[in-house]
C-alpha cells in the first residue's frame, strides 16, 4: 500500500510565504509524475504545479513566478514553495502522484492540507 502525506499548510497574511511538503511511503518501485492540486470552496479541483521524474515542471498561469515545485526522488518527497501569497490562493492543497508498484501503475492522493491567506 502507498501513502501520500502532506504537511506545511496554515494561515498566512497576503504577501507571505509557505512551504508545502509531500512524502510518499510504501512498496514503491518508481514515482512518475508528481503534482500539487488545490480546491477552493465552491470551485473545482485544479492543477497548481507538476513535476516529472526527469524534473520537467509546469505551472498554472495563476501561480507562475510565485510558486516553485521540486522533488527529491531518492527520498520520495515533493515540495511546493509558495511566495507572495494572495487571498485567491486559499484552498485545500492536495498532493498527487502516479506510482509504479512492481508492474502496476496507479494514481494516489494525499489527504490535503489547508492553506489560508488572510489578514
N, C-alpha and C. Protein backbone atom coordinates (compact mmCIF):
# COMPACT_ATOMS: atom_id res chain seq x y z
N UNK A 1 0.85 -1.19 0.00
CA UNK A 1 0.00 0.00 0.00
C UNK A 1 0.88 1.24 0.00
N UNK A 2 0.39 2.30 -0.62
CA UNK A 2 1.13 3.56 -0.73
C UNK A 2 0.37 4.65 0.02
N UNK A 3 1.11 5.49 0.71
CA UNK A 3 0.52 6.65 1.37
C UNK A 3 1.24 7.92 0.94
N UNK A 4 0.46 8.97 0.73
CA UNK A 4 1.00 10.31 0.49
C UNK A 4 0.55 11.17 1.66
N UNK A 5 1.50 11.83 2.31
CA UNK A 5 1.18 12.66 3.46
C UNK A 5 1.70 14.06 3.23
N UNK A 6 0.78 15.04 3.26
CA UNK A 6 1.16 16.44 3.10
C UNK A 6 1.39 17.09 4.45
N UNK A 7 2.18 18.15 4.43
CA UNK A 7 2.39 18.96 5.62
C UNK A 7 2.77 20.38 5.19
N UNK A 8 2.66 21.31 6.12
CA UNK A 8 3.14 22.65 5.87
C UNK A 8 2.06 23.70 5.63
N UNK A 9 0.81 23.31 5.62
CA UNK A 9 -0.24 24.30 5.43
C UNK A 9 -0.41 25.18 6.65
N UNK A 10 -1.27 26.19 6.52
CA UNK A 10 -1.51 27.06 7.65
C UNK A 10 -2.11 28.39 7.23
N UNK A 11 -2.09 29.33 8.16
CA UNK A 11 -2.62 30.67 7.94
C UNK A 11 -1.47 31.63 7.72
N UNK A 12 -1.56 32.42 6.66
CA UNK A 12 -0.50 33.38 6.36
C UNK A 12 -1.14 34.67 5.84
N UNK A 13 -0.49 35.78 6.06
CA UNK A 13 -1.00 37.06 5.56
C UNK A 13 -0.68 37.21 4.08
N UNK A 14 -1.44 38.02 3.36
CA UNK A 14 -1.11 38.29 1.95
C UNK A 14 0.31 38.79 1.81
N UNK A 15 1.00 38.27 0.80
CA UNK A 15 2.40 38.60 0.60
C UNK A 15 3.36 37.67 1.30
N UNK A 16 2.84 36.82 2.15
CA UNK A 16 3.68 35.89 2.90
C UNK A 16 4.03 34.64 2.12
N UNK A 17 4.72 33.73 2.79
CA UNK A 17 5.20 32.50 2.15
C UNK A 17 4.85 31.28 3.00
N UNK A 18 4.69 30.17 2.31
CA UNK A 18 4.53 28.86 2.94
C UNK A 18 5.24 27.83 2.09
N UNK A 19 5.65 26.75 2.74
CA UNK A 19 6.27 25.65 2.02
C UNK A 19 5.51 24.38 2.35
N UNK A 20 4.93 23.77 1.32
CA UNK A 20 4.22 22.50 1.48
C UNK A 20 5.16 21.35 1.15
N UNK A 21 4.98 20.25 1.86
CA UNK A 21 5.75 19.05 1.60
C UNK A 21 4.82 17.87 1.44
N UNK A 22 5.27 16.90 0.64
CA UNK A 22 4.52 15.66 0.43
C UNK A 22 5.52 14.51 0.49
N UNK A 23 5.23 13.54 1.33
CA UNK A 23 6.10 12.37 1.45
C UNK A 23 5.33 11.12 1.06
N UNK A 24 5.91 10.35 0.16
CA UNK A 24 5.30 9.09 -0.28
C UNK A 24 6.00 7.92 0.41
N UNK A 25 5.21 6.96 0.87
CA UNK A 25 5.77 5.79 1.52
C UNK A 25 5.02 4.54 1.08
N UNK A 26 5.69 3.40 1.22
CA UNK A 26 5.09 2.13 0.84
C UNK A 26 6.00 1.35 -0.09
N UNK A 27 5.45 0.34 -0.71
CA UNK A 27 6.22 -0.54 -1.59
C UNK A 27 6.33 0.05 -2.99
N UNK A 28 7.05 1.14 -3.09
CA UNK A 28 7.14 1.93 -4.32
C UNK A 28 8.28 1.44 -5.20
N UNK A 29 7.96 1.16 -6.46
CA UNK A 29 9.02 0.83 -7.41
C UNK A 29 9.55 2.10 -8.08
N UNK A 30 8.62 2.96 -8.45
CA UNK A 30 9.01 4.19 -9.17
C UNK A 30 7.88 5.20 -9.05
N UNK A 31 8.25 6.46 -8.80
CA UNK A 31 7.27 7.54 -8.83
C UNK A 31 7.44 8.28 -10.15
N UNK A 32 6.40 8.37 -10.91
CA UNK A 32 6.45 9.06 -12.19
C UNK A 32 6.15 10.54 -11.94
N UNK A 33 5.10 11.09 -12.50
CA UNK A 33 4.80 12.49 -12.29
C UNK A 33 4.25 12.71 -10.89
N UNK A 34 4.59 13.86 -10.30
CA UNK A 34 4.04 14.28 -9.02
C UNK A 34 3.45 15.67 -9.22
N UNK A 35 2.34 15.93 -8.56
CA UNK A 35 1.62 17.19 -8.77
C UNK A 35 1.10 17.74 -7.45
N UNK A 36 0.82 19.03 -7.47
CA UNK A 36 0.03 19.67 -6.45
C UNK A 36 -1.26 20.17 -7.10
N UNK A 37 -2.37 19.83 -6.50
CA UNK A 37 -3.68 20.35 -6.90
C UNK A 37 -4.23 21.17 -5.73
N UNK A 38 -5.23 21.97 -6.01
CA UNK A 38 -5.90 22.70 -4.94
C UNK A 38 -7.39 22.81 -5.25
N UNK A 39 -8.16 22.93 -4.19
CA UNK A 39 -9.60 23.09 -4.34
C UNK A 39 -10.08 24.13 -3.34
N UNK A 40 -10.62 25.21 -3.90
CA UNK A 40 -11.19 26.28 -3.07
C UNK A 40 -12.67 26.01 -2.86
N UNK A 41 -13.27 26.57 -1.82
CA UNK A 41 -14.70 26.34 -1.56
C UNK A 41 -15.55 26.72 -2.77
N UNK A 42 -16.41 25.82 -3.18
CA UNK A 42 -17.31 26.09 -4.28
C UNK A 42 -16.68 26.00 -5.66
N UNK A 43 -15.42 25.59 -5.73
CA UNK A 43 -14.73 25.51 -7.02
C UNK A 43 -14.25 24.09 -7.26
N UNK A 44 -13.93 23.81 -8.52
CA UNK A 44 -13.40 22.50 -8.87
C UNK A 44 -11.92 22.41 -8.51
N UNK A 45 -11.47 21.19 -8.31
CA UNK A 45 -10.05 20.97 -8.06
C UNK A 45 -9.26 21.35 -9.31
N UNK A 46 -8.15 22.06 -9.12
CA UNK A 46 -7.34 22.50 -10.24
C UNK A 46 -5.87 22.15 -10.03
N UNK A 47 -5.19 21.95 -11.15
CA UNK A 47 -3.76 21.67 -11.10
C UNK A 47 -3.00 22.96 -10.80
N UNK A 48 -2.11 22.89 -9.83
CA UNK A 48 -1.28 24.04 -9.47
C UNK A 48 0.09 23.93 -10.12
N UNK A 49 0.74 22.78 -9.94
CA UNK A 49 2.08 22.58 -10.48
C UNK A 49 2.35 21.09 -10.60
N UNK A 50 3.22 20.76 -11.55
CA UNK A 50 3.52 19.36 -11.83
C UNK A 50 5.01 19.22 -12.08
N UNK A 51 5.57 18.06 -11.70
CA UNK A 51 6.99 17.80 -11.96
C UNK A 51 7.16 16.34 -12.35
N UNK A 52 7.87 16.11 -13.44
CA UNK A 52 8.10 14.75 -13.91
C UNK A 52 9.28 14.13 -13.17
N UNK A 53 9.50 12.84 -13.41
CA UNK A 53 10.64 12.16 -12.80
C UNK A 53 11.95 12.75 -13.32
N UNK A 54 11.91 13.36 -14.48
CA UNK A 54 13.10 13.99 -15.04
C UNK A 54 13.28 15.44 -14.64
N UNK A 55 12.34 15.95 -13.85
CA UNK A 55 12.48 17.32 -13.35
C UNK A 55 11.82 18.38 -14.20
N UNK A 56 11.07 17.99 -15.22
CA UNK A 56 10.35 18.97 -16.03
C UNK A 56 9.14 19.46 -15.25
N UNK A 57 8.97 20.78 -15.23
CA UNK A 57 7.89 21.37 -14.42
C UNK A 57 6.92 22.16 -15.29
N UNK A 58 5.68 22.20 -14.83
CA UNK A 58 4.67 23.08 -15.41
C UNK A 58 3.91 23.72 -14.26
N UNK A 59 3.38 24.92 -14.53
CA UNK A 59 2.66 25.68 -13.52
C UNK A 59 1.37 26.24 -14.09
N UNK A 60 0.38 26.37 -13.25
CA UNK A 60 -0.81 27.12 -13.62
C UNK A 60 -0.41 28.58 -13.81
N UNK A 61 -1.05 29.25 -14.74
CA UNK A 61 -0.71 30.65 -15.01
C UNK A 61 -0.83 31.51 -13.75
N UNK A 62 -1.80 31.18 -12.90
CA UNK A 62 -2.08 31.99 -11.72
C UNK A 62 -0.96 31.94 -10.67
N UNK A 63 -0.08 30.94 -10.76
CA UNK A 63 0.97 30.80 -9.74
C UNK A 63 2.38 30.94 -10.32
N UNK A 64 2.49 31.09 -11.63
CA UNK A 64 3.81 31.24 -12.24
C UNK A 64 4.55 32.40 -11.62
N UNK A 65 5.85 32.23 -11.42
CA UNK A 65 6.73 33.25 -10.84
C UNK A 65 6.51 33.48 -9.36
N UNK A 66 5.56 32.76 -8.76
CA UNK A 66 5.35 32.86 -7.30
C UNK A 66 5.59 31.53 -6.60
N UNK A 67 5.25 30.43 -7.26
CA UNK A 67 5.37 29.10 -6.68
C UNK A 67 6.50 28.33 -7.37
N UNK A 68 7.17 27.47 -6.61
CA UNK A 68 8.22 26.62 -7.16
C UNK A 68 8.02 25.19 -6.66
N UNK A 69 7.91 24.26 -7.60
CA UNK A 69 7.77 22.85 -7.25
C UNK A 69 9.13 22.17 -7.37
N UNK A 70 9.39 21.23 -6.46
CA UNK A 70 10.65 20.48 -6.51
C UNK A 70 10.39 19.09 -5.93
N UNK A 71 11.32 18.19 -6.19
CA UNK A 71 11.19 16.84 -5.65
C UNK A 71 12.56 16.25 -5.38
N UNK A 72 12.59 15.31 -4.43
CA UNK A 72 13.79 14.55 -4.13
C UNK A 72 13.43 13.09 -4.40
N UNK A 73 13.84 12.60 -5.55
CA UNK A 73 13.44 11.25 -5.95
C UNK A 73 14.03 10.18 -5.04
N UNK A 74 15.18 10.44 -4.46
CA UNK A 74 15.80 9.46 -3.56
C UNK A 74 14.99 9.30 -2.28
N UNK A 75 14.33 10.38 -1.86
CA UNK A 75 13.55 10.35 -0.62
C UNK A 75 12.05 10.22 -0.86
N UNK A 76 11.65 10.21 -2.12
CA UNK A 76 10.22 10.14 -2.47
C UNK A 76 9.44 11.30 -1.86
N UNK A 77 10.00 12.48 -1.96
CA UNK A 77 9.33 13.66 -1.42
C UNK A 77 9.18 14.74 -2.50
N UNK A 78 8.24 15.63 -2.25
CA UNK A 78 7.98 16.74 -3.17
C UNK A 78 7.65 17.96 -2.32
N UNK A 79 8.06 19.12 -2.78
CA UNK A 79 7.79 20.36 -2.08
C UNK A 79 7.14 21.38 -3.00
N UNK A 80 6.45 22.32 -2.39
CA UNK A 80 5.90 23.45 -3.12
C UNK A 80 6.20 24.70 -2.31
N UNK A 81 7.13 25.51 -2.81
CA UNK A 81 7.45 26.77 -2.17
C UNK A 81 6.51 27.83 -2.73
N UNK A 82 5.73 28.44 -1.84
CA UNK A 82 4.74 29.42 -2.27
C UNK A 82 5.10 30.79 -1.71
N UNK A 83 5.39 31.72 -2.58
CA UNK A 83 5.77 33.07 -2.19
C UNK A 83 4.72 34.07 -2.66
N UNK A 84 4.75 35.25 -2.05
CA UNK A 84 3.84 36.31 -2.43
C UNK A 84 2.39 35.80 -2.50
N UNK A 85 1.98 35.13 -1.46
CA UNK A 85 0.65 34.52 -1.45
C UNK A 85 -0.45 35.56 -1.49
N UNK A 86 -1.53 35.19 -2.16
CA UNK A 86 -2.69 36.06 -2.34
C UNK A 86 -3.92 35.39 -1.73
N UNK A 87 -4.92 36.17 -1.34
CA UNK A 87 -6.14 35.57 -0.80
C UNK A 87 -6.75 34.53 -1.74
N UNK A 88 -6.56 34.72 -3.04
CA UNK A 88 -7.09 33.78 -4.02
C UNK A 88 -6.38 32.42 -3.98
N UNK A 89 -5.27 32.32 -3.28
CA UNK A 89 -4.57 31.05 -3.14
C UNK A 89 -5.16 30.20 -2.02
N UNK A 90 -6.10 30.75 -1.27
CA UNK A 90 -6.74 30.00 -0.19
C UNK A 90 -7.46 28.78 -0.75
N UNK A 91 -7.10 27.61 -0.24
CA UNK A 91 -7.68 26.36 -0.73
C UNK A 91 -7.12 25.20 0.09
N UNK A 92 -7.68 24.03 -0.14
CA UNK A 92 -7.06 22.80 0.34
C UNK A 92 -6.12 22.33 -0.76
N UNK A 93 -4.88 22.08 -0.40
CA UNK A 93 -3.87 21.65 -1.36
C UNK A 93 -3.64 20.15 -1.22
N UNK A 94 -3.67 19.47 -2.36
CA UNK A 94 -3.55 18.02 -2.39
C UNK A 94 -2.30 17.60 -3.17
N UNK A 95 -1.61 16.65 -2.62
CA UNK A 95 -0.50 16.01 -3.31
C UNK A 95 -1.04 14.85 -4.13
N UNK A 96 -0.55 14.71 -5.33
CA UNK A 96 -0.93 13.60 -6.21
C UNK A 96 0.33 13.00 -6.82
N UNK A 97 0.33 11.70 -6.99
CA UNK A 97 1.48 11.04 -7.63
C UNK A 97 1.02 9.84 -8.44
N UNK A 98 1.68 9.65 -9.55
CA UNK A 98 1.48 8.45 -10.38
C UNK A 98 2.62 7.50 -10.07
N UNK A 99 2.28 6.34 -9.51
CA UNK A 99 3.30 5.48 -8.90
C UNK A 99 3.24 4.06 -9.45
N UNK A 100 4.41 3.51 -9.70
CA UNK A 100 4.53 2.10 -10.08
C UNK A 100 4.83 1.26 -8.84
N UNK A 101 4.02 0.23 -8.65
CA UNK A 101 4.31 -0.80 -7.64
C UNK A 101 4.46 -2.09 -8.41
N UNK A 102 5.71 -2.53 -8.56
CA UNK A 102 6.02 -3.65 -9.44
C UNK A 102 5.53 -3.30 -10.85
N UNK A 103 4.65 -4.10 -11.44
CA UNK A 103 4.18 -3.83 -12.80
C UNK A 103 2.87 -3.05 -12.84
N UNK A 104 2.36 -2.67 -11.68
CA UNK A 104 1.08 -1.96 -11.62
C UNK A 104 1.32 -0.47 -11.45
N UNK A 105 0.56 0.34 -12.19
CA UNK A 105 0.68 1.80 -12.13
C UNK A 105 -0.67 2.37 -11.70
N UNK A 106 -0.64 3.20 -10.69
CA UNK A 106 -1.87 3.80 -10.16
C UNK A 106 -1.63 5.23 -9.75
N UNK A 107 -2.74 5.95 -9.57
CA UNK A 107 -2.71 7.32 -9.06
C UNK A 107 -3.06 7.32 -7.59
N UNK A 108 -2.33 8.14 -6.83
CA UNK A 108 -2.53 8.23 -5.39
C UNK A 108 -2.69 9.69 -4.99
N UNK A 109 -3.48 9.91 -3.93
CA UNK A 109 -3.74 11.26 -3.43
C UNK A 109 -3.47 11.32 -1.93
N UNK A 110 -2.99 12.48 -1.51
CA UNK A 110 -2.89 12.74 -0.09
C UNK A 110 -4.21 13.21 0.47
N UNK A 111 -4.23 13.45 1.77
CA UNK A 111 -5.47 13.82 2.44
C UNK A 111 -5.77 15.31 2.32
N UNK A 112 -4.79 16.08 1.92
CA UNK A 112 -4.97 17.52 1.77
C UNK A 112 -4.48 18.30 2.96
N UNK A 113 -4.04 19.52 2.69
CA UNK A 113 -3.61 20.44 3.76
C UNK A 113 -4.18 21.82 3.45
N UNK A 114 -4.72 22.47 4.47
CA UNK A 114 -5.39 23.75 4.28
C UNK A 114 -4.39 24.89 4.24
N UNK A 115 -4.54 25.73 3.23
CA UNK A 115 -3.78 26.98 3.13
C UNK A 115 -4.78 28.13 3.14
N UNK A 116 -4.62 29.03 4.09
CA UNK A 116 -5.50 30.19 4.20
C UNK A 116 -4.66 31.45 4.16
N UNK A 117 -4.99 32.33 3.21
CA UNK A 117 -4.27 33.60 3.06
C UNK A 117 -5.24 34.71 3.43
N UNK A 118 -4.98 35.36 4.55
CA UNK A 118 -5.92 36.35 5.06
C UNK A 118 -5.22 37.27 6.05
N UNK A 119 -5.77 38.48 6.19
CA UNK A 119 -5.23 39.43 7.17
C UNK A 119 -5.60 39.00 8.57
